[in-house]
Amino acid sequence: MAKHVVAVMDEIPPGGRKLVEVKGRAIVIFNVGGEYFALNNRCPHKGGSLCQGRLTGLVESAEPGT
């Protein structure tokens, strides 16, 4: 697994995000409560930018479609 330095930890405060480019791909880095998550900046459901979306808590359902 390759690692890429994209920011200093203090650069992305809790609840914050940063859009970066890694090998030609748009990647959004989220800081959720001090944990960092890197995701493709494209919503798999609607195709929109994750970086421009609203950051919310975890949502779980009992079954698909609920």
PDB file of N, CA and C in Angstrom:
ATOM      1  N   MET A   1       0.840  -1.167   0.000  1.00  0.00           N
ATOM      2  CA  MET A   1       0.000   0.000   0.000  1.00  0.00           C
ATOM      3  C   MET A   1       0.894   1.241   0.000  1.00  0.00           C
ATOM      4  N   ALA A   2       0.663   2.137  -0.919  1.00  0.00           N
ATOM      5  CA  ALA A   2       1.452   3.365  -1.028  1.00  0.00           C
ATOM      6  C   ALA A   2       0.938   4.408  -0.045  1.00  0.00           C
ATOM      7  N   LYS A   3       1.843   5.221   0.460  1.00  0.00           N
ATOM      8  CA  LYS A   3       1.481   6.306   1.359  1.00  0.00           C
ATOM      9  C   LYS A   3       1.882   7.625   0.719  1.00  0.00           C
ATOM     10  N   HIS A   4       1.045   8.629   0.901  1.00  0.00           N
ATOM     11  CA  HIS A   4       1.301   9.960   0.343  1.00  0.00           C
ATOM     12  C   HIS A   4       1.068  10.993   1.434  1.00  0.00           C
ATOM     13  N   VAL A   5       2.015  11.888   1.616  1.00  0.00           N
ATOM     14  CA  VAL A   5       1.841  12.988   2.557  1.00  0.00           C
ATOM     15  C   VAL A   5       1.055  14.079   1.830  1.00  0.00           C
ATOM     16  N   VAL A   6      -0.101  14.450   2.386  1.00  0.00           N
ATOM     17  CA  VAL A   6      -0.964  15.428   1.718  1.00  0.00           C
ATOM     18  C   VAL A   6      -1.247  16.649   2.573  1.00  0.00           C
ATOM     19  N   ALA A   7      -0.958  16.575   3.889  1.00  0.00           N
ATOM     20  CA  ALA A   7      -1.234  17.704   4.777  1.00  0.00           C
ATOM     21  C   ALA A   7      -0.539  17.484   6.107  1.00  0.00           C
ATOM     22  N   VAL A   8      -0.404  18.550   6.854  1.00  0.00           N
ATOM     23  CA  VAL A   8       0.032  18.495   8.240  1.00  0.00           C
ATOM     24  C   VAL A   8      -1.233  18.286   9.073  1.00  0.00           C
ATOM     25  N   MET A   9      -1.148  17.504  10.141  1.00  0.00           N
ATOM     26  CA  MET A   9      -2.346  17.177  10.921  1.00  0.00           C
ATOM     27  C   MET A   9      -3.112  18.415  11.372  1.00  0.00           C
ATOM     28  N   ASP A  10      -2.414  19.459  11.801  1.00  0.00           N
ATOM     29  CA  ASP A  10      -3.083  20.679  12.273  1.00  0.00           C
ATOM     30  C   ASP A  10      -3.804  21.430  11.158  1.00  0.00           C
ATOM     31  N   GLU A  11      -3.507  21.085   9.924  1.00  0.00           N
ATOM     32  CA  GLU A  11      -4.109  21.765   8.772  1.00  0.00           C
ATOM     33  C   GLU A  11      -5.580  21.380   8.583  1.00  0.00           C
ATOM     34  N   ILE A  12      -5.975  20.227   9.119  1.00  0.00           N
ATOM     35  CA  ILE A  12      -7.360  19.762   8.973  1.00  0.00           C
ATOM     36  C   ILE A  12      -7.929  19.568  10.382  1.00  0.00           C
ATOM     37  N   PRO A  13      -8.647  20.574  10.915  1.00  0.00           N
ATOM     38  CA  PRO A  13      -9.172  20.474  12.271  1.00  0.00           C
ATOM     39  C   PRO A  13     -10.314  19.458  12.349  1.00  0.00           C
ATOM     40  N   PRO A  14     -10.682  18.999  13.547  1.00  0.00           N
ATOM     41  CA  PRO A  14     -11.820  18.089  13.673  1.00  0.00           C
ATOM     42  C   PRO A  14     -13.065  18.680  13.008  1.00  0.00           C
ATOM     43  N   GLY A  15     -13.723  17.882  12.210  1.00  0.00           N
ATOM     44  CA  GLY A  15     -14.881  18.345  11.436  1.00  0.00           C
ATOM     45  C   GLY A  15     -14.488  18.968  10.111  1.00  0.00           C
ATOM     46  N   GLY A  16     -13.187  19.099   9.874  1.00  0.00           N
ATOM     47  CA  GLY A  16     -12.701  19.735   8.654  1.00  0.00           C
ATOM     48  C   GLY A  16     -12.413  18.741   7.552  1.00  0.00           C
ATOM     49  N   ARG A  17     -12.055  19.274   6.411  1.00  0.00           N
ATOM     50  CA  ARG A  17     -11.732  18.458   5.245  1.00  0.00           C
ATOM     51  C   ARG A  17     -10.747  19.198   4.356  1.00  0.00           C
ATOM     52  N   LYS A  18     -10.082  18.454   3.518  1.00  0.00           N
ATOM     53  CA  LYS A  18      -9.147  19.050   2.557  1.00  0.00           C
ATOM     54  C   LYS A  18      -9.187  18.227   1.285  1.00  0.00           C
ATOM     55  N   LEU A  19      -9.305  18.908   0.165  1.00  0.00           N
ATOM     56  CA  LEU A  19      -9.309  18.269  -1.142  1.00  0.00           C
ATOM     57  C   LEU A  19      -7.883  18.288  -1.680  1.00  0.00           C
ATOM     58  N   VAL A  20      -7.368  17.121  -2.064  1.00  0.00           N
ATOM     59  CA  VAL A  20      -6.016  17.003  -2.595  1.00  0.00           C
ATOM     60  C   VAL A  20      -6.060  16.181  -3.882  1.00  0.00           C
ATOM     61  N   GLU A  21      -4.953  16.198  -4.605  1.00  0.00           N
ATOM     62  CA  GLU A  21      -4.827  15.366  -5.797  1.00  0.00           C
ATOM     63  C   GLU A  21      -3.670  14.391  -5.581  1.00  0.00           C
ATOM     64  N   VAL A  22      -3.937  13.127  -5.794  1.00  0.00           N
ATOM     65  CA  VAL A  22      -2.927  12.084  -5.665  1.00  0.00           C
ATOM     66  C   VAL A  22      -2.940  11.257  -6.941  1.00  0.00           C
ATOM     67  N   LYS A  23      -1.834  11.285  -7.657  1.00  0.00           N
ATOM     68  CA  LYS A  23      -1.709  10.547  -8.918  1.00  0.00           C
ATOM     69  C   LYS A  23      -2.880  10.826  -9.869  1.00  0.00           C
ATOM     70  N   GLY A  24      -3.264  12.104  -9.971  1.00  0.00           N
ATOM     71  CA  GLY A  24      -4.316  12.510 -10.892  1.00  0.00           C
ATOM     72  C   GLY A  24      -5.728  12.274 -10.392  1.00  0.00           C
ATOM     73  N   ARG A  25      -5.880  11.819  -9.158  1.00  0.00           N
ATOM     74  CA  ARG A  25      -7.214  11.561  -8.605  1.00  0.00           C
ATOM     75  C   ARG A  25      -7.549  12.580  -7.522  1.00  0.00           C
ATOM     76  N   ALA A  26      -8.793  13.060  -7.524  1.00  0.00           N
ATOM     77  CA  ALA A  26      -9.262  13.974  -6.487  1.00  0.00           C
ATOM     78  C   ALA A  26      -9.619  13.150  -5.257  1.00  0.00           C
ATOM     79  N   ILE A  27      -8.930  13.434  -4.139  1.00  0.00           N
ATOM     80  CA  ILE A  27      -9.129  12.722  -2.883  1.00  0.00           C
ATOM     81  C   ILE A  27      -9.491  13.745  -1.819  1.00  0.00           C
ATOM     82  N   VAL A  28     -10.512  13.450  -1.032  1.00  0.00           N
ATOM     83  CA  VAL A  28     -10.878  14.339   0.069  1.00  0.00           C
ATOM     84  C   VAL A  28     -10.474  13.654   1.372  1.00  0.00           C
ATOM     85  N   ILE A  29      -9.792  14.437   2.232  1.00  0.00           N
ATOM     86  CA  ILE A  29      -9.355  13.961   3.530  1.00  0.00           C
ATOM     87  C   ILE A  29     -10.294  14.580   4.571  1.00  0.00           C
ATOM     88  N   PHE A  30     -10.922  13.748   5.383  1.00  0.00           N
ATOM     89  CA  PHE A  30     -11.809  14.203   6.451  1.00  0.00           C
ATOM     90  C   PHE A  30     -11.157  13.942   7.804  1.00  0.00           C
ATOM     91  N   ASN A  31     -11.339  14.876   8.741  1.00  0.00           N
ATOM     92  CA  ASN A  31     -10.950  14.671  10.132  1.00  0.00           C
ATOM     93  C   ASN A  31     -12.251  14.540  10.906  1.00  0.00           C
ATOM     94  N   VAL A  32     -12.544  13.334  11.354  1.00  0.00           N
ATOM     95  CA  VAL A  32     -13.767  13.070  12.104  1.00  0.00           C
ATOM     96  C   VAL A  32     -13.353  12.699  13.528  1.00  0.00           C
ATOM     97  N   GLY A  33     -13.489  13.659  14.433  1.00  0.00           N
ATOM     98  CA  GLY A  33     -13.143  13.422  15.826  1.00  0.00           C
ATOM     99  C   GLY A  33     -11.698  13.012  16.043  1.00  0.00           C
ATOM    100  N   GLY A  34     -10.786  13.532  15.240  1.00  0.00           N
ATOM    101  CA  GLY A  34      -9.368  13.212  15.387  1.00  0.00           C
ATOM    102  C   GLY A  34      -8.909  12.009  14.571  1.00  0.00           C
ATOM    103  N   GLU A  35      -9.836  11.350  13.877  1.00  0.00           N
ATOM    104  CA  GLU A  35      -9.473  10.253  12.976  1.00  0.00           C
ATOM    105  C   GLU A  35      -9.538  10.784  11.549  1.00  0.00           C
ATOM    106  N   TYR A  36      -8.589  10.359  10.725  1.00  0.00           N
ATOM    107  CA  TYR A  36      -8.509  10.852   9.353  1.00  0.00           C
ATOM    108  C   TYR A  36      -8.945   9.766   8.380  1.00  0.00           C
ATOM    109  N   PHE A  37      -9.756  10.186   7.399  1.00  0.00           N
ATOM    110  CA  PHE A  37     -10.271   9.275   6.384  1.00  0.00           C
ATOM    111  C   PHE A  37     -10.035   9.893   5.017  1.00  0.00           C
ATOM    112  N   ALA A  38      -9.508   9.110   4.102  1.00  0.00           N
ATOM    113  CA  ALA A  38      -9.258   9.565   2.732  1.00  0.00           C
ATOM    114  C   ALA A  38     -10.192   8.807   1.806  1.00  0.00           C
ATOM    115  N   LEU A  39     -10.971   9.550   1.023  1.00  0.00           N
ATOM    116  CA  LEU A  39     -11.949   8.951   0.118  1.00  0.00           C
ATOM    117  C   LEU A  39     -11.865   9.595  -1.266  1.00  0.00           C
ATOM    118  N   ASN A  40     -12.223   8.830  -2.266  1.00  0.00           N
ATOM    119  CA  ASN A  40     -12.386   9.382  -3.604  1.00  0.00           C
ATOM    120  C   ASN A  40     -13.418  10.500  -3.485  1.00  0.00           C
ATOM    121  N   ASN A  41     -13.173  11.637  -4.090  1.00  0.00           N
ATOM    122  CA  ASN A  41     -14.067  12.788  -3.964  1.00  0.00           C
ATOM    123  C   ASN A  41     -15.294  12.667  -4.869  1.00  0.00           C
ATOM    124  N   ARG A  42     -15.871  11.499  -4.933  1.00  0.00           N
ATOM    125  CA  ARG A  42     -17.044  11.289  -5.792  1.00  0.00           C
ATOM    126  C   ARG A  42     -18.031  10.405  -5.057  1.00  0.00           C
ATOM    127  N   CYS A  43     -19.231  10.908  -4.864  1.00  0.00           N
ATOM    128  CA  CYS A  43     -20.281  10.133  -4.206  1.00  0.00           C
ATOM    129  C   CYS A  43     -20.625   8.926  -5.072  1.00  0.00           C
ATOM    130  N   PRO A  44     -20.576   7.719  -4.504  1.00  0.00           N
ATOM    131  CA  PRO A  44     -20.895   6.534  -5.309  1.00  0.00           C
ATOM    132  C   PRO A  44     -22.371   6.444  -5.675  1.00  0.00           C
ATOM    133  N   HIS A  45     -23.235   7.183  -4.999  1.00  0.00           N
ATOM    134  CA  HIS A  45     -24.672   7.113  -5.252  1.00  0.00           C
ATOM    135  C   HIS A  45     -25.134   8.140  -6.283  1.00  0.00           C
ATOM    136  N   LYS A  46     -24.685   9.375  -6.122  1.00  0.00           N
ATOM    137  CA  LYS A  46     -25.161  10.468  -6.986  1.00  0.00           C
ATOM    138  C   LYS A  46     -24.077  11.081  -7.861  1.00  0.00           C
ATOM    139  N   GLY A  47     -22.798  10.748  -7.609  1.00  0.00           N
ATOM    140  CA  GLY A  47     -21.719  11.262  -8.440  1.00  0.00           C
ATOM    141  C   GLY A  47     -21.230  12.647  -8.071  1.00  0.00           C
ATOM    142  N   GLY A  48     -21.788  13.253  -7.025  1.00  0.00           N
ATOM    143  CA  GLY A  48     -21.386  14.603  -6.625  1.00  0.00           C
ATOM    144  C   GLY A  48     -20.084  14.616  -5.847  1.00  0.00           C
ATOM    145  N   SER A  49     -19.602  15.803  -5.554  1.00  0.00           N
ATOM    146  CA  SER A  49     -18.363  16.004  -4.810  1.00  0.00           C
ATOM    147  C   SER A  49     -18.597  15.769  -3.322  1.00  0.00           C
ATOM    148  N   LEU A  50     -17.848  14.837  -2.722  1.00  0.00           N
ATOM    149  CA  LEU A  50     -17.957  14.614  -1.278  1.00  0.00           C
ATOM    150  C   LEU A  50     -17.419  15.803  -0.499  1.00  0.00           C
ATOM    151  N   CYS A  51     -16.416  16.468  -1.039  1.00  0.00           N
ATOM    152  CA  CYS A  51     -15.798  17.606  -0.367  1.00  0.00           C
ATOM    153  C   CYS A  51     -16.802  18.740  -0.164  1.00  0.00           C
ATOM    154  N   GLN A  52     -17.740  18.881  -1.065  1.00  0.00           N
ATOM    155  CA  GLN A  52     -18.721  19.961  -0.965  1.00  0.00           C
ATOM    156  C   GLN A  52     -19.958  19.561  -0.178  1.00  0.00           C
ATOM    157  N   GLY A  53     -20.041  18.291   0.211  1.00  0.00           N
ATOM    158  CA  GLY A  53     -21.211  17.809   0.941  1.00  0.00           C
ATOM    159  C   GLY A  53     -21.163  18.145   2.418  1.00  0.00           C
ATOM    160  N   ARG A  54     -22.230  17.801   3.091  1.00  0.00           N
ATOM    161  CA  ARG A  54     -22.363  18.052   4.527  1.00  0.00           C
ATOM    162  C   ARG A  54     -21.824  16.854   5.290  1.00  0.00           C
ATOM    163  N   LEU A  55     -20.995  17.105   6.292  1.00  0.00           N
ATOM    164  CA  LEU A  55     -20.432  16.049   7.119  1.00  0.00           C
ATOM    165  C   LEU A  55     -21.416  15.745   8.239  1.00  0.00           C
ATOM    166  N   THR A  56     -21.877  14.494   8.302  1.00  0.00           N
ATOM    167  CA  THR A  56     -22.829  14.090   9.333  1.00  0.00           C
ATOM    168  C   THR A  56     -22.281  12.878  10.068  1.00  0.00           C
ATOM    169  N   GLY A  57     -22.970  12.480  11.100  1.00  0.00           N
ATOM    170  CA  GLY A  57     -22.578  11.308  11.863  1.00  0.00           C
ATOM    171  C   GLY A  57     -22.882  10.028  11.109  1.00  0.00           C
ATOM    172  N   LEU A  58     -22.531   8.933  11.719  1.00  0.00           N
ATOM    173  CA  LEU A  58     -22.771   7.621  11.142  1.00  0.00           C
ATOM    174  C   LEU A  58     -24.264   7.342  11.081  1.00  0.00           C
ATOM    175  N   VAL A  59     -24.708   6.838   9.949  1.00  0.00           N
ATOM    176  CA  VAL A  59     -26.104   6.461   9.783  1.00  0.00           C
ATOM    177  C   VAL A  59     -26.142   4.981   9.461  1.00  0.00           C
ATOM    178  N   GLU A  60     -26.902   4.232  10.237  1.00  0.00           N
ATOM    179  CA  GLU A  60     -27.024   2.783  10.011  1.00  0.00           C
ATOM    180  C   GLU A  60     -28.500   2.435   9.818  1.00  0.00           C
ATOM    181  N   SER A  61     -28.748   1.362   9.091  1.00  0.00           N
ATOM    182  CA  SER A  61     -30.123   0.903   8.912  1.00  0.00           C
ATOM    183  C   SER A  61     -30.187  -0.590   9.194  1.00  0.00           C
ATOM    184  N   ALA A  62     -31.362  -1.053   9.523  1.00  0.00           N
ATOM    185  CA  ALA A  62     -31.557  -2.464   9.821  1.00  0.00           C
ATOM    186  C   ALA A  62     -31.522  -3.313   8.563  1.00  0.00           C
ATOM    187  N   GLU A  63     -31.870  -2.695   7.429  1.00  0.00           N
ATOM    188  CA  GLU A  63     -31.911  -3.444   6.162  1.00  0.00           C
ATOM    189  C   GLU A  63     -31.768  -2.463   4.993  1.00  0.00           C
ATOM    190  N   PRO A  64     -31.379  -2.961   3.820  1.00  0.00           N
ATOM    191  CA  PRO A  64     -31.237  -2.103   2.653  1.00  0.00           C
ATOM    192  C   PRO A  64     -32.554  -1.373   2.340  1.00  0.00           C
ATOM    193  N   GLY A  65     -32.433  -0.115   1.970  1.00  0.00           N
ATOM    194  CA  GLY A  65     -33.603   0.676   1.598  1.00  0.00           C
ATOM    195  C   GLY A  65     -34.294   1.350   2.765  1.00  0.00           C
ATOM    196  N   THR A  66     -33.805   1.103   3.972  1.00  0.00           N
ATOM    197  CA  THR A  66     -34.431   1.707   5.154  1.00  0.00           C
ATOM    198  C   THR A  66     -33.551   2.818   5.691  1.00  0.00           C
TER     199      THR A  66
END
